[in-house]
Amino acid sequence: MTGSKQPWQRDHRPKGLSGISSNTRYAATESFGYSILPCIKLGPSHPIHTPTRRCYTSLLLLPSKSPLKPSPLPSSSRHFEETLALRLSSLLPIPGHSLQVPLPWVARAVHLLALTLASAAALVSDHSLRGPDPDDLVAHLDAGVTLLDACNAAFSELARLEHWLLPLRFVLRLLSHKEPPTKERIRRAQKAIVEWESTPSCDIEHSAGMTIRIMAPDEPPRGKVSVVRRATYAVEAVSRLVMAATMGAIGKGEAALPHDIRVSSDWPWAEAYNEVAAKVSARVGTAPPNELEAVEASARKLKAVICGEEDGDRMERLGMTVAALERATEELTDGLDRLMGSVNGAFHAAMGTRNAALSRLRSAASRHRKQLLHAKPKHY
């Protein structure tokens, strides 16, 4: 018949979509969030002289996958990271324009580390959060070991610097009198200064850099990360930055702060962290602390006056140099005392985070034992 189709020539596509152009069909389905599977020719063979029968599968409408959205952080974790960003921002600007970071600023930075550690311990101990993975707790414990070592090294160096000042304090006791010092006192003061000069002002420059490199955190976690793992990474990063600044400030010589100390911009506190790291790295390790330089310069001037010729204004110059050394020694002593207190606080805060992680591990082990005891025996 003219104009009519044989049965095998008819369009067997679904009637709901027949008469609609392919472009229109795709636009319609995409607007509803569906994707189309293309028509597939069925290929069973047929006997010879039999026309090939064209069949089409139905067009399947499948929901398209929307991009995965990161799960929102718990409020406690979000508060921890936002607070860390504010604390890091409070460290800038670094006071002074010298080549070295002042010791009071370093003490503030170490105190910030102690606060961060305490916040991390509270986060680990937060029982409102889902029980942390044991592997995350073990990683948290491991991260604290190198920090404890760094605190011990810094505290030992600070104590050694205080011991380094003892001969100069003895000099001040000999010469800081209202009456002019006797020749015997001057001779003993000169001997004490010579003894002081034979003691190096720094003894950790070779080990400081190695300690900081060991403290480098692992690769930043990707994808879905637990609250404990996020806190551990933050603690490791801040510990490395702060202890590098501490080592560099008190251990002149090797620049203990590597210039690659920075974190990915994915973290809420990354901008503040990287800015502090950049400012500190430009000033740490290039020169001894200003307070220490002032002591050394004052002591050398005093020695020059003591060993110089006895002229008419010698006693006046002696009094001026003694007063300058006394001021410099007091300033350095105050900076060392404050920094020692901050390092001691960071050490105990690090122990607190370890205790919190150990407590959660013990609780998890105890719950597991109870589950095993109350489990019904299986009969085979």
Protein backbone atom coordinates (compact mmCIF):
# COMPACT_ATOMS: atom_id res chain seq x y z
CA MET A 1 0.00 0.00 0.00
CA THR A 2 1.22 3.39 -0.99
CA GLY A 3 2.00 5.67 1.95
CA SER A 4 1.47 2.98 4.58
CA LYS A 5 4.22 1.30 6.55
CA GLN A 6 4.68 -2.39 7.05
CA PRO A 7 4.54 -3.54 10.69
CA TRP A 8 8.27 -3.90 10.86
CA GLN A 9 8.72 -0.34 9.53
CA ARG A 10 6.59 1.34 12.17
CA ASP A 11 8.09 3.46 14.87
CA HIS A 12 8.14 1.38 18.03
CA ARG A 13 9.47 4.17 20.25
CA PRO A 14 7.43 5.05 23.35
CA LYS A 15 4.39 7.08 22.34
CA GLY A 16 4.99 9.55 25.12
CA LEU A 17 8.09 10.83 23.39
CA SER A 18 7.19 10.24 19.74
CA GLY A 19 6.77 13.34 17.72
CA ILE A 20 9.27 15.27 19.85
CA SER A 21 12.64 16.11 18.41
CA SER A 22 15.69 14.65 20.08
CA ASN A 23 16.94 18.10 21.13
CA THR A 24 13.60 18.91 22.73
CA ARG A 25 13.53 15.59 24.55
CA TYR A 26 17.01 16.12 25.98
CA ALA A 27 16.16 19.65 27.08
CA ALA A 28 12.98 18.48 28.74
CA THR A 29 14.64 15.68 30.61
CA GLU A 30 17.59 17.80 31.71
CA SER A 31 15.24 20.44 33.12
CA PHE A 32 13.78 17.80 35.42
CA GLY A 33 17.21 16.57 36.53
CA TYR A 34 17.16 13.30 34.62
CA SER A 35 19.56 11.75 32.16
CA ILE A 36 18.66 9.70 29.10
CA LEU A 37 20.17 6.43 28.06
CA PRO A 38 20.49 6.27 24.25
CA CYS A 39 18.34 3.88 22.24
CA ILE A 40 20.02 0.55 21.70
CA LYS A 41 19.50 -1.58 18.63
CA LEU A 42 18.72 -5.14 19.49
CA GLY A 43 20.73 -7.39 17.26
CA PRO A 44 19.25 -10.89 17.10
CA SER A 45 19.82 -12.40 13.66
CA HIS A 46 16.82 -13.37 11.50
CA PRO A 47 16.36 -15.98 8.69
CA ILE A 48 17.37 -14.99 5.18
CA HIS A 49 14.77 -13.16 3.05
CA THR A 50 13.16 -11.97 6.31
CA PRO A 51 13.32 -8.18 6.76
CA THR A 52 15.42 -7.08 9.69
CA ARG A 53 13.17 -6.02 12.49
CA ARG A 54 14.12 -2.77 14.18
CA CYS A 55 13.41 -2.65 17.90
CA TYR A 56 14.18 0.08 20.35
CA THR A 57 14.50 -0.11 24.06
CA SER A 58 12.49 2.26 26.17
CA LEU A 59 14.19 5.50 27.07
CA LEU A 60 15.12 5.17 30.73
CA LEU A 61 14.91 8.24 32.93
CA LEU A 62 17.45 8.04 35.76
CA PRO A 63 18.03 10.64 38.48
CA SER A 64 21.30 12.48 37.85
CA LYS A 65 23.83 12.57 40.70
CA SER A 66 24.27 15.94 42.33
CA PRO A 67 27.81 16.89 43.48
CA LEU A 68 28.69 15.70 46.95
CA LYS A 69 28.62 18.44 49.54
CA PRO A 70 31.05 18.34 52.46
CA SER A 71 29.35 17.45 55.68
CA PRO A 72 29.08 20.40 58.04
CA LEU A 73 31.52 20.50 60.92
CA PRO A 74 30.22 20.07 64.47
CA SER A 75 29.90 23.37 66.28
CA SER A 76 32.71 22.48 68.69
CA SER A 77 35.16 21.82 65.85
CA ARG A 78 34.11 24.95 63.98
CA HIS A 79 34.56 27.02 67.15
CA PHE A 80 38.02 25.50 67.69
CA GLU A 81 39.22 26.45 64.21
CA GLU A 82 37.67 29.93 64.23
CA THR A 83 39.24 30.64 67.61
CA LEU A 84 42.62 29.46 66.32
CA ALA A 85 42.39 31.89 63.40
CA LEU A 86 41.68 34.78 65.78
CA ARG A 87 44.53 33.81 68.08
CA LEU A 88 47.02 33.64 65.22
CA SER A 89 45.88 37.02 63.92
CA SER A 90 46.48 38.53 67.36
CA LEU A 91 50.22 37.80 67.01
CA LEU A 92 50.58 40.44 64.29
CA PRO A 93 52.17 42.85 63.92
CA ILE A 94 55.42 41.71 65.48
CA PRO A 95 56.77 44.64 67.51
CA GLY A 96 60.06 46.28 66.67
CA HIS A 97 61.94 46.67 63.44
CA SER A 98 65.08 44.72 64.26
CA LEU A 99 66.33 41.56 62.59
CA GLN A 100 65.14 39.40 65.48
CA VAL A 101 61.83 38.63 67.13
CA PRO A 102 61.59 40.01 70.70
CA LEU A 103 61.53 37.43 73.46
CA PRO A 104 58.22 38.75 74.93
CA TRP A 105 56.56 38.12 71.55
CA VAL A 106 57.94 34.57 71.48
CA ALA A 107 56.55 34.05 74.98
CA ARG A 108 53.12 35.19 73.72
CA ALA A 109 53.32 32.77 70.80
CA VAL A 110 54.19 29.85 73.09
CA HIS A 111 51.30 30.81 75.37
CA LEU A 112 49.02 30.73 72.32
CA LEU A 113 50.27 27.21 71.63
CA ALA A 114 49.39 26.20 75.18
CA LEU A 115 45.86 27.59 74.73
CA THR A 116 45.49 25.72 71.44
CA LEU A 117 46.59 22.48 73.09
CA ALA A 118 44.10 22.98 75.91
CA SER A 119 41.30 23.59 73.39
CA ALA A 120 42.30 20.44 71.50
CA ALA A 121 42.20 18.44 74.74
CA ALA A 122 38.69 19.70 75.43
CA LEU A 123 37.67 18.73 71.89
CA VAL A 124 39.07 15.21 72.26
CA SER A 125 37.28 14.84 75.61
CA ASP A 126 33.93 16.07 74.24
CA HIS A 127 31.59 13.10 74.74
CA SER A 128 28.82 14.80 72.76
CA LEU A 129 30.78 13.92 69.62
CA ARG A 130 30.71 10.46 68.14
CA GLY A 131 33.42 8.26 69.57
CA PRO A 132 36.68 9.04 67.75
CA ASP A 133 38.44 6.41 65.72
CA PRO A 134 41.22 4.70 67.72
CA ASP A 135 43.66 5.35 64.87
CA ASP A 136 42.96 9.09 65.14
CA LEU A 137 43.61 8.99 68.87
CA VAL A 138 46.89 7.13 68.36
CA ALA A 139 47.94 9.72 65.77
CA HIS A 140 47.10 12.43 68.29
CA LEU A 141 49.32 10.73 70.86
CA ASP A 142 52.21 10.39 68.42
CA ALA A 143 51.97 14.06 67.45
CA GLY A 144 52.60 15.12 71.04
CA VAL A 145 55.88 13.23 71.45
CA THR A 146 58.01 15.53 69.28
CA LEU A 147 56.40 18.58 70.86
CA LEU A 148 57.37 17.37 74.32
CA ASP A 149 60.93 16.84 73.08
CA ALA A 150 61.00 20.35 71.60
CA CYS A 151 59.72 21.85 74.86
CA ASN A 152 62.43 20.03 76.81
CA ALA A 153 65.12 21.25 74.39
CA ALA A 154 63.89 24.85 74.56
CA PHE A 155 63.61 24.79 78.35
CA SER A 156 67.13 23.38 78.68
CA GLU A 157 68.53 26.13 76.46
CA LEU A 158 66.70 28.82 78.42
CA ALA A 159 68.09 27.43 81.67
CA ARG A 160 71.57 27.38 80.12
CA LEU A 161 71.22 31.04 79.12
CA GLU A 162 70.27 31.94 82.68
CA HIS A 163 73.36 30.07 83.86
CA TRP A 164 75.36 31.98 81.23
CA LEU A 165 74.35 35.21 82.98
CA LEU A 166 75.65 34.16 86.41
CA PRO A 167 79.22 35.53 85.98
CA LEU A 168 77.79 38.89 84.90
CA ARG A 169 75.49 39.00 87.91
CA PHE A 170 78.55 38.38 90.07
CA VAL A 171 80.29 41.29 88.31
CA LEU A 172 77.35 43.54 89.10
CA ARG A 173 77.47 42.54 92.76
CA LEU A 174 81.14 43.45 92.90
CA LEU A 175 80.81 46.82 91.19
CA SER A 176 77.29 48.01 92.04
CA HIS A 177 78.09 49.91 95.23
CA LYS A 178 77.73 53.50 96.23
CA GLU A 179 81.38 53.59 97.21
CA PRO A 180 84.01 53.37 94.46
CA PRO A 181 85.07 49.73 93.98
CA THR A 182 88.44 48.68 95.31
CA LYS A 183 91.19 47.38 93.06
CA GLU A 184 90.55 43.88 94.38
CA ARG A 185 86.88 44.07 93.39
CA ILE A 186 87.82 45.35 89.94
CA ARG A 187 90.33 42.52 89.51
CA ARG A 188 87.74 39.89 90.47
CA ALA A 189 85.17 41.50 88.16
CA GLN A 190 87.65 41.38 85.28
CA LYS A 191 88.31 37.68 85.95
CA ALA A 192 84.55 36.95 86.00
CA ILE A 193 84.06 38.69 82.65
CA VAL A 194 86.86 36.63 81.10
CA GLU A 195 85.17 33.48 82.42
CA TRP A 196 81.85 34.64 80.96
CA GLU A 197 83.43 35.24 77.55
CA SER A 198 84.69 31.65 77.42
CA THR A 199 81.12 30.31 77.62
CA PRO A 200 79.17 30.30 74.33
CA SER A 201 75.86 32.10 74.38
CA CYS A 202 74.25 29.41 72.24
CA ASP A 203 74.56 25.65 72.19
CA ILE A 204 71.59 24.29 70.22
CA GLU A 205 71.88 25.77 66.75
CA HIS A 206 72.87 22.45 65.14
CA SER A 207 70.06 20.43 66.71
CA ALA A 208 67.32 23.05 66.49
CA GLY A 209 66.78 22.72 62.75
CA MET A 210 66.57 18.92 62.95
CA THR A 211 63.99 19.13 65.73
CA ILE A 212 61.80 21.46 63.70
CA ARG A 213 62.02 19.30 60.59
CA ILE A 214 60.92 16.25 62.59
CA MET A 215 57.90 18.21 63.82
CA ALA A 216 56.56 18.70 60.28
CA PRO A 217 52.98 17.33 60.18
CA ASP A 218 51.94 14.60 57.79
CA GLU A 219 50.21 15.39 54.52
CA PRO A 220 46.99 17.32 55.21
CA PRO A 221 43.98 15.02 55.39
CA ARG A 222 41.65 15.01 52.39
CA GLY A 223 37.99 14.21 52.03
CA LYS A 224 35.89 13.42 55.05
CA VAL A 225 38.08 14.00 58.08
CA SER A 226 37.18 13.38 61.71
CA VAL A 227 37.09 16.15 64.27
CA VAL A 228 40.05 14.67 66.15
CA ARG A 229 42.12 14.40 62.98
CA ARG A 230 41.44 18.04 62.08
CA ALA A 231 42.43 19.14 65.58
CA THR A 232 45.58 17.01 65.46
CA TYR A 233 46.69 18.58 62.18
CA ALA A 234 46.10 22.08 63.57
CA VAL A 235 48.06 21.31 66.73
CA GLU A 236 50.97 19.86 64.74
CA ALA A 237 51.12 22.87 62.41
CA VAL A 238 50.97 25.46 65.20
CA SER A 239 53.47 23.51 67.31
CA ARG A 240 56.00 23.47 64.49
CA LEU A 241 55.63 27.19 63.79
CA VAL A 242 55.82 28.31 67.41
CA MET A 243 58.67 26.03 68.44
CA ALA A 244 60.63 27.00 65.32
CA ALA A 245 60.27 30.64 66.33
CA THR A 246 61.36 29.77 69.87
CA MET A 247 64.42 27.80 68.78
CA GLY A 248 65.41 30.47 66.31
CA ALA A 249 65.04 33.25 68.87
CA ILE A 250 67.17 31.65 71.58
CA GLY A 251 69.52 29.52 69.46
CA LYS A 252 71.31 31.93 67.15
CA GLY A 253 73.02 30.33 64.21
CA GLU A 254 71.02 28.05 61.93
CA ALA A 255 67.73 29.50 60.80
CA ALA A 256 65.51 27.01 62.58
CA LEU A 257 62.37 28.19 60.80
CA PRO A 258 62.24 26.67 57.31
CA HIS A 259 60.71 28.94 54.71
CA ASP A 260 58.30 26.21 53.59
CA ILE A 261 56.28 26.32 56.81
CA ARG A 262 52.77 26.97 55.54
CA VAL A 263 49.45 25.16 55.26
CA SER A 264 46.85 24.70 52.55
CA SER A 265 44.34 27.50 52.09
CA ASP A 266 41.53 24.96 52.66
CA TRP A 267 41.76 25.45 56.42
CA PRO A 268 39.80 28.29 58.05
CA TRP A 269 42.89 29.41 59.95
CA ALA A 270 45.31 29.08 57.00
CA GLU A 271 45.45 32.76 56.03
CA ALA A 272 46.41 33.92 59.53
CA TYR A 273 48.85 31.02 59.95
CA ASN A 274 50.69 31.62 56.69
CA GLU A 275 50.93 35.35 57.36
CA VAL A 276 52.50 34.80 60.78
CA ALA A 277 54.89 32.19 59.34
CA ALA A 278 56.01 34.59 56.60
CA LYS A 279 56.65 37.44 59.04
CA VAL A 280 58.53 35.25 61.51
CA SER A 281 60.66 33.46 58.92
CA ALA A 282 61.97 36.82 57.72
CA ARG A 283 63.33 37.64 61.19
CA VAL A 284 64.13 34.39 62.99
CA GLY A 285 67.60 32.88 62.86
CA THR A 286 69.34 35.85 61.25
CA ALA A 287 70.70 37.34 64.49
CA PRO A 288 70.70 36.68 68.25
CA PRO A 289 67.88 38.19 70.33
CA ASN A 290 68.11 41.93 70.86
CA GLU A 291 68.12 41.38 74.61
CA LEU A 292 71.10 39.04 74.38
CA GLU A 293 73.00 41.37 72.03
CA ALA A 294 72.48 44.23 74.48
CA VAL A 295 74.00 42.17 77.31
CA GLU A 296 77.03 41.18 75.23
CA ALA A 297 77.65 44.75 74.09
CA SER A 298 77.34 46.15 77.63
CA ALA A 299 79.68 43.50 79.06
CA ARG A 300 82.35 44.26 76.46
CA LYS A 301 82.15 47.98 77.18
CA LEU A 302 82.53 47.29 80.89
CA LYS A 303 85.56 45.10 80.24
CA ALA A 304 87.13 47.86 78.14
CA VAL A 305 86.70 50.33 80.99
CA ILE A 306 88.10 47.90 83.58
CA CYS A 307 91.11 46.99 81.46
CA GLY A 308 91.72 50.57 80.33
CA GLU A 309 94.02 53.14 81.74
CA GLU A 310 93.23 54.67 85.09
CA ASP A 311 92.42 58.28 84.26
CA GLY A 312 90.35 60.91 86.00
CA ASP A 313 86.95 59.96 84.60
CA ARG A 314 87.43 56.22 84.80
CA MET A 315 85.12 55.82 87.79
CA GLU A 316 82.42 57.84 86.07
CA ARG A 317 82.63 55.71 82.95
CA LEU A 318 82.72 52.60 85.13
CA GLY A 319 79.48 53.63 86.83
CA MET A 320 77.76 54.28 83.48
CA THR A 321 78.79 50.94 81.98
CA VAL A 322 77.78 49.06 85.13
CA ALA A 323 74.32 50.70 85.01
CA ALA A 324 73.95 49.81 81.31
CA LEU A 325 74.91 46.17 81.97
CA GLU A 326 72.47 46.00 84.86
CA ARG A 327 69.58 47.23 82.69
CA ALA A 328 70.45 44.84 79.85
CA THR A 329 70.78 41.89 82.23
CA GLU A 330 67.42 42.61 83.86
CA GLU A 331 65.70 42.87 80.48
CA LEU A 332 67.16 39.58 79.27
CA THR A 333 66.36 37.87 82.57
CA ASP A 334 62.75 39.06 82.38
CA GLY A 335 62.41 37.78 78.81
CA LEU A 336 63.94 34.41 79.69
CA ASP A 337 61.72 34.01 82.75
CA ARG A 338 58.55 34.77 80.78
CA LEU A 339 59.55 32.42 77.99
CA MET A 340 60.42 29.64 80.43
CA GLY A 341 57.01 30.00 82.03
CA SER A 342 55.30 29.81 78.63
CA VAL A 343 57.31 26.75 77.56
CA ASN A 344 56.51 25.06 80.85
CA GLY A 345 52.82 25.81 80.28
CA ALA A 346 52.97 24.40 76.75
CA PHE A 347 54.63 21.23 78.05
CA HIS A 348 51.89 20.62 80.60
CA ALA A 349 49.19 21.46 78.02
CA ALA A 350 50.73 18.88 75.66
CA MET A 351 50.59 16.33 78.47
CA GLY A 352 46.93 17.27 78.95
CA THR A 353 46.10 16.47 75.32
CA ARG A 354 47.85 13.11 75.64
CA ASN A 355 45.92 12.32 78.81
CA ALA A 356 42.65 13.22 77.08
CA ALA A 357 43.43 10.91 74.16
CA LEU A 358 44.48 8.09 76.49
CA SER A 359 41.27 8.48 78.47
CA ARG A 360 39.16 8.13 75.31
CA LEU A 361 41.16 5.08 74.25
CA ARG A 362 40.62 3.45 77.65
CA SER A 363 36.90 4.23 77.50
CA ALA A 364 36.62 2.68 74.05
CA ALA A 365 38.50 -0.43 75.19
CA SER A 366 36.28 -0.73 78.27
CA ARG A 367 33.09 -0.50 76.18
CA HIS A 368 34.44 -3.12 73.80
CA ARG A 369 35.16 -5.53 76.68
CA LYS A 370 31.65 -5.05 78.06
CA GLN A 371 30.14 -5.77 74.67
CA LEU A 372 32.13 -8.98 74.45
CA LEU A 373 31.04 -10.05 77.93
CA HIS A 374 27.35 -9.41 77.24
CA ALA A 375 27.39 -10.89 73.76
CA LYS A 376 25.32 -14.06 73.40
CA PRO A 377 27.41 -17.15 72.68
CA LYS A 378 26.99 -18.55 69.20
CA HIS A 379 25.99 -22.21 68.88
CA TYR A 380 27.26 -24.08 65.89
